[in-house]
Amino acid sequence: MPRRKPRIPPSPLPQRQGIDPVHLKLPLDGDWATVGDHLRDRLSVPAEVLEAMLLGGEIVTADGSPVAPDTPYAPGAHLWFHRELRPEVPVPFAIDVVYRDEHLLVVDKPHFLATMPRGSHVAETALARLRRDLGIPELGPAHRLDRLTAGLVMFTVRRTDRGAYQSLFSDRRVHKEYEAVAAYEPTLALPVTVCSRIEKVRGVIAAYEIPGEPNSESRVELVEHRAGLGRYRLLPRTGRTHQLRVHMNALGVPILGDPVYPDVADPAPDDFSRPLQLLARSLEFRDPVTGIEHRFASRRTLQAWSSYEQWAGPTAA
């Protein structure tokens, strides 16, 4: 039988701004004299910041007791604390609620807003915003949508339901349809199913196709074209990082507004002028909790198709 994942005790600290406290479990082996000694080795925070947290009682154990600078090291103990929130550029676009019941929340996410806290995007994420605005502290993502991609994202309302909805995606029981705008290439034979092996190295922004057994599959269809642009329907069968962006680039028609494919750019954090023209258009599945057959559709449109000159800005002239 598979080993059960060790149970983490409930956090003694509440959320802040919709963000969970950081949880740490102390290693079972080690020769640290105090908890502080271990944290100095483990955490990449300035020494003066850590000392202030210890002196201020901001790091606590499972029963809520503060960890003092001289608290002895306790192998296997659980700790919690709130990370320091650095200033973030506000994403000036709203999240639209598409559907909500006691188990499931489906929203229409704007471009530039990350789904959940990661890296430098913490408070300015869909998860943190929705927890704050809707007052649902147990809200959790059922899957992830790239920060630059707009469209439908599913969240679970209750922690106990999270596994059931996440398994929909891991078991490929959700029919997902995306829409993209890219250059029209008349010599490209479509529809086509693209299969390749995609690898993503931690800390490297771009994913790459490499030789080997395919681990990604996308169907690409041309819906219509005009004035050198194409509107494409994208049907991913798998969910690798940046999969649709990588496959469209491999076909020679990179998605408009992509700052990574084919060339990595570095737009300013407050530059919202040319969003990636990729939209999670629809989700279709049988609800694993209620049995309802759901089909949700985004109401957003891709600006480069409806008004290319407005999307491209002054350089379009």
Protein backbone atom coordinates (compact mmCIF):
# COMPACT_ATOMS: atom_id res chain seq x y z
CA MET A 1 0.00 0.00 0.00
CA PRO A 2 1.24 3.54 -0.75
CA ARG A 3 2.47 5.45 2.27
CA ARG A 4 0.18 8.19 3.46
CA LYS A 5 1.51 11.69 3.39
CA PRO A 6 2.17 12.86 6.98
CA ARG A 7 -0.62 15.06 8.28
CA ILE A 8 0.25 18.69 8.86
CA PRO A 9 -1.37 20.18 11.97
CA PRO A 10 -3.74 23.11 11.39
CA SER A 11 -2.05 26.48 11.33
CA PRO A 12 -2.30 28.45 14.58
CA LEU A 13 -1.95 31.67 12.56
CA PRO A 14 -4.72 33.23 10.44
CA GLN A 15 -4.27 34.32 6.86
CA ARG A 16 -3.07 37.84 6.10
CA GLN A 17 -4.52 39.58 3.05
CA GLY A 18 -5.71 36.21 1.81
CA ILE A 19 -2.24 34.66 2.08
CA ASP A 20 -1.46 31.58 4.15
CA PRO A 21 1.38 31.69 6.68
CA VAL A 22 4.58 29.85 5.77
CA HIS A 23 4.82 26.35 7.24
CA LEU A 24 8.13 24.66 8.10
CA LYS A 25 8.85 21.25 9.57
CA LEU A 26 12.16 20.90 11.39
CA PRO A 27 14.38 18.01 10.20
CA LEU A 28 14.49 14.89 12.34
CA ASP A 29 18.27 14.96 12.37
CA GLY A 30 20.67 17.82 12.88
CA ASP A 31 23.01 19.28 15.47
CA TRP A 32 21.45 22.71 15.94
CA ALA A 33 21.25 23.85 19.53
CA THR A 34 18.26 26.15 19.04
CA VAL A 35 15.44 26.61 16.56
CA GLY A 36 16.96 29.97 15.70
CA ASP A 37 20.25 28.33 14.73
CA HIS A 38 18.40 26.12 12.23
CA LEU A 39 16.39 29.01 10.82
CA ARG A 40 19.56 31.05 10.30
CA ASP A 41 20.91 28.21 8.16
CA ARG A 42 17.65 27.53 6.33
CA LEU A 43 15.97 30.85 5.63
CA SER A 44 17.31 33.30 3.08
CA VAL A 45 16.35 36.40 5.05
CA PRO A 46 18.65 39.04 6.52
CA ALA A 47 19.90 38.16 9.99
CA GLU A 48 18.41 41.28 11.52
CA VAL A 49 14.97 40.45 10.08
CA LEU A 50 15.05 36.93 11.54
CA GLU A 51 16.19 38.22 14.93
CA ALA A 52 13.35 40.73 14.96
CA MET A 53 10.86 37.97 14.15
CA LEU A 54 12.17 35.81 16.99
CA LEU A 55 12.18 38.69 19.48
CA GLY A 56 8.70 39.74 18.38
CA GLY A 57 7.19 36.26 18.77
CA GLU A 58 6.28 36.15 15.06
CA ILE A 59 7.37 32.51 14.62
CA VAL A 60 5.11 30.06 16.42
CA THR A 61 4.80 26.32 17.06
CA ALA A 62 1.75 24.10 16.46
CA ASP A 63 0.07 25.21 19.68
CA GLY A 64 0.68 28.89 18.91
CA SER A 65 3.58 29.29 21.34
CA PRO A 66 6.18 31.81 20.11
CA VAL A 67 9.69 30.64 19.32
CA ALA A 68 12.21 32.64 21.34
CA PRO A 69 15.86 33.21 20.38
CA ASP A 70 16.90 30.52 22.90
CA THR A 71 14.14 27.94 22.23
CA PRO A 72 15.87 24.51 22.06
CA TYR A 73 15.85 22.66 18.76
CA ALA A 74 12.98 20.11 18.56
CA PRO A 75 13.32 17.54 15.74
CA GLY A 76 10.14 17.19 13.68
CA ALA A 77 8.45 20.27 15.16
CA HIS A 78 6.10 22.34 12.97
CA LEU A 79 6.54 26.11 12.73
CA TRP A 80 4.52 28.90 11.12
CA PHE A 81 5.20 32.54 10.35
CA HIS A 82 4.03 35.22 7.94
CA ARG A 83 6.40 36.20 5.17
CA GLU A 84 7.26 39.85 4.68
CA LEU A 85 5.15 41.16 1.83
CA ARG A 86 7.15 43.24 -0.58
CA PRO A 87 5.48 46.01 -2.61
CA GLU A 88 3.85 44.69 -5.78
CA VAL A 89 2.59 46.51 -8.85
CA PRO A 90 -1.24 46.33 -8.72
CA VAL A 91 -2.78 44.55 -11.70
CA PRO A 92 -5.49 47.04 -12.78
CA PHE A 93 -8.01 44.51 -14.07
CA ALA A 94 -10.98 42.85 -12.38
CA ILE A 95 -11.70 39.16 -11.89
CA ASP A 96 -15.19 38.15 -13.06
CA VAL A 97 -17.05 35.42 -11.19
CA VAL A 98 -18.62 33.01 -13.69
CA TYR A 99 -20.07 30.41 -11.32
CA ARG A 100 -20.23 29.72 -7.61
CA ASP A 101 -21.81 27.04 -5.44
CA GLU A 102 -20.88 25.53 -2.07
CA HIS A 103 -18.11 23.43 -3.65
CA LEU A 104 -16.84 25.23 -6.74
CA LEU A 105 -15.87 28.71 -7.88
CA VAL A 106 -15.12 29.47 -11.53
CA VAL A 107 -13.72 32.86 -12.49
CA ASP A 108 -12.68 34.68 -15.66
CA LYS A 109 -9.12 35.80 -14.92
CA PRO A 110 -7.56 38.83 -16.62
CA HIS A 111 -4.17 38.88 -18.30
CA PHE A 112 -1.13 39.63 -16.05
CA LEU A 113 -2.68 38.24 -12.85
CA ALA A 114 -1.05 35.09 -11.43
CA THR A 115 -3.38 32.31 -10.30
CA MET A 116 -1.66 31.72 -6.94
CA PRO A 117 1.30 33.12 -4.95
CA ARG A 118 4.62 32.33 -6.54
CA GLY A 119 7.93 34.16 -6.76
CA SER A 120 7.43 37.92 -6.72
CA HIS A 121 3.65 37.66 -7.19
CA VAL A 122 2.03 37.06 -3.81
CA ALA A 123 -0.69 39.51 -2.80
CA GLU A 124 -1.47 40.42 -6.42
CA THR A 125 -2.78 36.99 -7.34
CA ALA A 126 -6.24 35.66 -8.13
CA LEU A 127 -6.23 33.37 -5.09
CA ALA A 128 -5.34 36.10 -2.58
CA ARG A 129 -7.76 38.58 -4.14
CA LEU A 130 -10.67 36.15 -4.16
CA ARG A 131 -10.07 35.02 -0.58
CA ARG A 132 -10.12 38.65 0.53
CA ASP A 133 -12.99 39.87 -1.64
CA LEU A 134 -15.30 36.87 -1.25
CA GLY A 135 -14.39 35.95 2.32
CA ILE A 136 -13.52 32.32 1.53
CA PRO A 137 -10.37 31.51 3.55
CA GLU A 138 -10.33 27.83 2.46
CA LEU A 139 -10.43 28.73 -1.24
CA GLY A 140 -7.81 26.79 -3.20
CA PRO A 141 -6.89 26.36 -6.88
CA ALA A 142 -8.04 23.24 -8.70
CA HIS A 143 -5.47 23.93 -11.43
CA ARG A 144 -3.21 26.73 -12.62
CA LEU A 145 -3.39 29.20 -15.50
CA ASP A 146 -0.28 31.11 -16.59
CA ARG A 147 -0.07 34.68 -15.30
CA LEU A 148 -0.02 36.10 -18.84
CA THR A 149 -2.98 33.99 -20.04
CA ALA A 150 -6.53 35.21 -19.50
CA GLY A 151 -9.65 33.13 -19.07
CA LEU A 152 -11.31 30.47 -16.97
CA VAL A 153 -9.83 29.20 -13.71
CA MET A 154 -11.45 26.82 -11.21
CA PHE A 155 -11.13 27.05 -7.42
CA THR A 156 -12.48 24.83 -4.67
CA VAL A 157 -14.48 26.46 -1.90
CA ARG A 158 -13.76 23.82 0.74
CA ARG A 159 -10.43 22.17 1.45
CA THR A 160 -12.10 18.74 1.69
CA ASP A 161 -13.24 18.96 -1.96
CA ARG A 162 -9.90 20.05 -3.38
CA GLY A 163 -8.58 16.59 -4.25
CA ALA A 164 -11.73 15.62 -6.16
CA TYR A 165 -11.53 18.66 -8.45
CA GLN A 166 -7.76 18.55 -8.87
CA SER A 167 -8.02 14.93 -9.99
CA LEU A 168 -10.26 16.05 -12.86
CA PHE A 169 -7.22 17.72 -14.39
CA SER A 170 -4.63 15.11 -13.46
CA ASP A 171 -6.90 12.38 -14.90
CA ARG A 172 -7.63 14.45 -18.06
CA ARG A 173 -11.39 14.50 -17.47
CA VAL A 174 -11.76 18.20 -18.30
CA HIS A 175 -12.28 19.28 -21.90
CA LYS A 176 -10.30 22.52 -22.25
CA GLU A 177 -10.48 24.87 -25.21
CA TYR A 178 -8.21 27.87 -25.73
CA GLU A 179 -8.21 30.68 -28.27
CA ALA A 180 -5.14 32.47 -29.62
CA VAL A 181 -4.24 35.15 -32.13
CA ALA A 182 -1.04 34.76 -34.15
CA ALA A 183 0.24 35.42 -37.62
CA TYR A 184 -1.54 33.62 -40.46
CA GLU A 185 0.73 31.28 -42.36
CA PRO A 186 -0.98 29.97 -45.53
CA THR A 187 1.56 27.16 -45.99
CA LEU A 188 0.85 25.71 -42.53
CA ALA A 189 -1.35 22.63 -42.87
CA LEU A 190 -4.10 22.77 -40.25
CA PRO A 191 -5.63 21.24 -38.25
CA VAL A 192 -2.62 19.47 -36.80
CA THR A 193 -1.85 17.59 -33.59
CA VAL A 194 1.52 18.53 -32.11
CA CYS A 195 3.25 15.98 -29.88
CA SER A 196 6.65 16.67 -28.32
CA ARG A 197 8.71 16.37 -25.17
CA ILE A 198 8.74 19.63 -23.21
CA GLU A 199 11.09 20.24 -20.31
CA LYS A 200 11.08 23.22 -17.95
CA VAL A 201 14.12 23.90 -15.77
CA ARG A 202 13.43 25.61 -12.44
CA GLY A 203 14.66 29.20 -12.53
CA VAL A 204 14.72 29.34 -16.36
CA ILE A 205 11.80 31.30 -17.82
CA ALA A 206 11.46 29.39 -21.10
CA ALA A 207 10.47 25.76 -21.59
CA TYR A 208 12.12 23.77 -24.36
CA GLU A 209 11.30 20.91 -26.69
CA ILE A 210 13.93 18.19 -26.53
CA PRO A 211 14.32 14.78 -28.17
CA GLY A 212 12.60 11.93 -26.39
CA GLU A 213 9.25 10.36 -25.68
CA PRO A 214 6.47 12.96 -26.04
CA ASN A 215 4.91 14.24 -22.84
CA SER A 216 2.71 16.93 -24.40
CA GLU A 217 -0.05 16.97 -26.99
CA SER A 218 -2.03 19.87 -28.48
CA ARG A 219 -4.45 20.08 -31.39
CA VAL A 220 -4.24 23.35 -33.33
CA GLU A 221 -7.09 24.49 -35.60
CA LEU A 222 -7.49 27.66 -37.68
CA VAL A 223 -10.89 29.25 -37.04
CA GLU A 224 -10.54 32.20 -39.44
CA HIS A 225 -7.98 34.62 -40.84
CA ARG A 226 -7.81 38.17 -42.13
CA ALA A 227 -5.20 40.84 -42.78
CA GLY A 228 -2.30 38.52 -42.06
CA LEU A 229 -3.67 37.38 -38.69
CA GLY A 230 -5.18 34.06 -37.70
CA ARG A 231 -7.59 33.17 -34.90
CA TYR A 232 -6.79 29.70 -33.64
CA ARG A 233 -8.58 27.11 -31.53
CA LEU A 234 -6.18 25.21 -29.29
CA LEU A 235 -7.12 21.93 -27.63
CA PRO A 236 -4.48 20.71 -25.16
CA ARG A 237 -4.68 17.07 -24.16
CA THR A 238 -1.89 17.46 -21.60
CA GLY A 239 -0.89 20.37 -19.36
CA ARG A 240 2.85 21.02 -19.50
CA THR A 241 4.15 24.46 -18.52
CA HIS A 242 3.80 26.90 -21.46
CA GLN A 243 2.67 23.99 -23.63
CA LEU A 244 0.44 25.93 -26.06
CA ARG A 245 2.95 28.75 -26.35
CA VAL A 246 5.78 26.31 -27.07
CA HIS A 247 3.76 24.39 -29.67
CA MET A 248 2.54 27.49 -31.49
CA ASN A 249 6.11 28.80 -31.63
CA ALA A 250 7.30 25.42 -32.97
CA LEU A 251 4.75 25.70 -35.78
CA GLY A 252 6.23 29.06 -36.77
CA VAL A 253 3.27 31.12 -35.55
CA PRO A 254 4.14 32.33 -32.03
CA ILE A 255 1.23 33.84 -30.15
CA LEU A 256 1.09 37.62 -30.35
CA GLY A 257 2.38 39.41 -27.27
CA ASP A 258 4.46 36.49 -26.02
CA PRO A 259 7.50 37.88 -24.16
CA VAL A 260 9.24 34.48 -24.07
CA TYR A 261 8.69 32.72 -27.40
CA PRO A 262 10.48 32.97 -29.75
CA ASP A 263 12.69 35.53 -27.92
CA VAL A 264 12.82 36.33 -24.22
CA ALA A 265 12.03 39.96 -23.48
CA ASP A 266 11.91 41.75 -20.16
CA PRO A 267 8.86 44.06 -20.04
CA ALA A 268 8.55 46.42 -17.10
CA PRO A 269 6.36 45.11 -14.22
CA ASP A 270 3.86 47.91 -14.82
CA ASP A 271 3.69 47.45 -18.62
CA PHE A 272 0.20 46.11 -19.35
CA SER A 273 0.08 47.47 -22.90
CA ARG A 274 0.29 44.29 -25.01
CA PRO A 275 -1.24 41.27 -23.29
CA LEU A 276 -0.44 37.79 -24.54
CA GLN A 277 -3.17 36.88 -27.02
CA LEU A 278 -4.07 33.59 -25.38
CA LEU A 279 -7.41 32.92 -23.70
CA ALA A 280 -8.72 29.90 -21.79
CA ARG A 281 -12.05 29.97 -23.62
CA SER A 282 -14.04 27.06 -22.15
CA LEU A 283 -14.09 24.23 -19.59
CA GLU A 284 -16.37 21.22 -19.78
CA PHE A 285 -16.61 18.37 -17.25
CA ARG A 286 -18.85 16.31 -14.98
CA ASP A 287 -18.74 17.68 -11.44
CA PRO A 288 -17.08 15.00 -9.25
CA VAL A 289 -19.05 16.10 -6.17
CA THR A 290 -22.54 16.98 -7.46
CA GLY A 291 -22.59 15.02 -10.73
CA ILE A 292 -23.70 18.10 -12.68
CA GLU A 293 -22.51 18.39 -16.29
CA HIS A 294 -20.78 21.78 -16.44
CA ARG A 295 -19.77 23.88 -19.43
CA PHE A 296 -18.31 27.31 -18.76
CA ALA A 297 -17.28 29.89 -21.34
CA SER A 298 -15.18 33.04 -20.98
CA ARG A 299 -16.76 36.34 -21.95
CA ARG A 300 -13.41 37.94 -22.67
CA THR A 301 -12.15 38.72 -26.17
CA LEU A 302 -8.64 38.92 -27.56
CA GLN A 303 -7.88 42.53 -28.38
CA ALA A 304 -5.50 41.86 -31.27
CA TRP A 305 -8.37 40.22 -33.15
CA SER A 306 -11.09 42.74 -32.35
CA SER A 307 -8.82 45.81 -32.68
CA TYR A 308 -5.27 45.07 -33.73
CA GLU A 309 -4.24 48.73 -33.98
CA GLN A 310 -5.37 49.39 -30.41
CA TRP A 311 -3.53 46.32 -29.10
CA ALA A 312 -0.31 47.03 -31.05
CA GLY A 313 -0.22 50.73 -30.16
CA PRO A 314 1.66 53.44 -32.05
CA THR A 315 3.96 50.97 -33.84
CA ALA A 316 0.96 49.54 -35.70
CA ALA A 317 0.70 52.62 -37.86
